[in-house]
Amino acid sequence: MRSYRLAVSSSQPWIGLRLEWAVGLVLGAIGCLIASNVTRAHLNPAAVSDHAVRAADGHIYRLLRYPGRNSIVVLDSESRYLGTMDLHHRVLDAVTLPNGTNAAPLLRSLPPF
């Protein structure tokens, strides 16, 4: 009777390495998805109030209030960022408008909210 032995060549260990690499890749991708969702939740908190005001010039502006940050983001009618104000109606940040002027006077002219 003949006996046969299964010969294992030195070129087969790569099978285990490829499997480990694939598992690492999948776990890394899952980790990235979890991290991006957590980061998005912290960077984009939900606004508590979202309402519109009409300025003296007749334009309508959208106000997004973020009480956890004690700020109000001001957007124009096309949802373009104009600036940020604190809860006491002080301008914290203002953009330069396309005509070259700063938006701070416009933000100060908005009615109290």
Protein backbone atom coordinates (compact mmCIF):
# COMPACT_ATOMS: atom_id res chain seq x y z
CA MET A 1 0.00 0.00 0.00
CA ARG A 2 1.23 3.42 -0.87
CA SER A 3 0.88 6.36 1.40
CA TYR A 4 0.58 9.84 0.08
CA ARG A 5 1.54 12.98 1.91
CA LEU A 6 0.10 16.33 1.13
CA ALA A 7 2.95 18.55 0.20
CA VAL A 8 2.70 22.17 1.35
CA SER A 9 4.85 24.45 -0.67
CA SER A 10 6.29 27.66 0.66
CA SER A 11 4.18 29.70 -1.79
CA GLN A 12 0.85 28.97 -0.05
CA PRO A 13 1.12 31.18 3.08
CA TRP A 14 -0.03 34.17 1.01
CA ILE A 15 -3.61 32.80 1.21
CA GLY A 16 -3.77 33.65 4.91
CA LEU A 17 -2.18 37.04 4.35
CA ARG A 18 -4.67 37.94 1.63
CA LEU A 19 -7.56 37.01 3.91
CA GLU A 20 -6.13 39.11 6.76
CA TRP A 21 -5.62 42.04 4.40
CA ALA A 22 -9.23 41.83 3.16
CA VAL A 23 -10.62 41.66 6.70
CA GLY A 24 -8.46 44.65 7.66
CA LEU A 25 -9.70 46.60 4.67
CA VAL A 26 -13.36 45.91 5.49
CA LEU A 27 -12.91 46.76 9.17
CA GLY A 28 -11.06 49.96 8.22
CA ALA A 29 -13.89 51.01 5.88
CA ILE A 30 -16.48 50.36 8.58
CA GLY A 31 -14.41 52.38 11.05
CA CYS A 32 -14.21 55.29 8.60
CA LEU A 33 -17.98 55.28 8.11
CA ILE A 34 -18.61 55.32 11.84
CA ALA A 35 -16.07 58.13 12.37
CA SER A 36 -17.57 60.26 9.59
CA ASN A 37 -21.08 59.89 10.99
CA VAL A 38 -19.93 60.86 14.49
CA THR A 39 -17.98 63.84 13.13
CA ARG A 40 -20.91 64.98 11.00
CA ALA A 41 -23.19 64.89 14.03
CA HIS A 42 -20.81 67.12 15.99
CA LEU A 43 -20.04 69.56 13.17
CA ASN A 44 -23.60 69.99 11.91
CA PRO A 45 -25.88 70.18 14.93
CA ALA A 46 -29.56 70.68 14.24
CA ALA A 47 -30.81 74.23 14.50
CA VAL A 48 -33.43 74.74 17.19
CA SER A 49 -35.21 77.47 15.29
CA ASP A 50 -35.30 78.27 11.62
CA HIS A 51 -37.28 81.32 10.61
CA ALA A 52 -37.23 84.19 8.16
CA VAL A 53 -37.22 87.94 8.73
CA ARG A 54 -37.88 90.77 6.32
CA ALA A 55 -35.28 93.53 6.48
CA ALA A 56 -35.94 97.24 5.95
CA ASP A 57 -34.71 96.88 2.34
CA GLY A 58 -37.51 94.35 1.68
CA HIS A 59 -35.27 91.30 1.32
CA ILE A 60 -36.02 88.16 3.29
CA TYR A 61 -33.26 86.55 5.32
CA ARG A 62 -33.21 83.11 6.92
CA LEU A 63 -32.04 82.78 10.52
CA LEU A 64 -30.80 79.49 11.97
CA ARG A 65 -30.43 79.56 15.75
CA TYR A 66 -27.90 77.25 17.42
CA PRO A 67 -28.31 77.71 21.20
CA GLY A 68 -25.56 75.24 22.11
CA ARG A 69 -23.15 77.58 20.35
CA ASN A 70 -25.03 80.76 21.32
CA SER A 71 -25.13 81.89 17.71
CA ILE A 72 -27.45 82.63 14.84
CA VAL A 73 -26.41 81.96 11.24
CA VAL A 74 -27.85 84.38 8.68
CA LEU A 75 -28.53 83.22 5.11
CA ASP A 76 -29.93 85.17 2.19
CA SER A 77 -33.04 84.10 0.26
CA GLU A 78 -30.92 81.73 -1.85
CA SER A 79 -29.41 80.08 1.29
CA ARG A 80 -26.00 81.72 0.85
CA TYR A 81 -24.11 82.37 4.06
CA LEU A 82 -23.95 86.06 5.03
CA GLY A 83 -22.62 85.88 8.56
CA THR A 84 -23.08 84.84 12.16
CA MET A 85 -24.48 86.82 15.09
CA ASP A 86 -24.57 86.07 18.78
CA LEU A 87 -27.80 85.93 20.78
CA HIS A 88 -27.35 89.62 21.73
CA HIS A 89 -27.46 90.69 18.06
CA ARG A 90 -23.69 91.33 17.81
CA VAL A 91 -21.95 90.39 14.56
CA LEU A 92 -19.41 87.59 15.03
CA ASP A 93 -18.59 87.01 11.36
CA ALA A 94 -19.59 88.61 8.08
CA VAL A 95 -18.72 87.86 4.47
CA THR A 96 -17.67 90.22 1.73
CA LEU A 97 -20.57 90.64 -0.67
CA PRO A 98 -20.14 90.40 -4.46
CA ASN A 99 -20.23 94.22 -4.73
CA GLY A 100 -17.16 94.41 -2.44
CA THR A 101 -18.91 95.63 0.71
CA ASN A 102 -18.93 93.82 4.02
CA ALA A 103 -22.19 92.19 5.18
CA ALA A 104 -21.80 93.40 8.81
CA PRO A 105 -23.94 96.57 8.38
CA LEU A 106 -26.62 94.47 6.69
CA LEU A 107 -26.60 92.00 9.60
CA ARG A 108 -26.85 94.84 12.14
CA SER A 109 -29.84 96.27 10.25
CA LEU A 110 -31.89 93.08 10.67
CA PRO A 111 -34.75 93.38 13.17
CA PRO A 112 -34.08 91.80 16.58
CA PHE A 113 -35.10 88.17 16.75
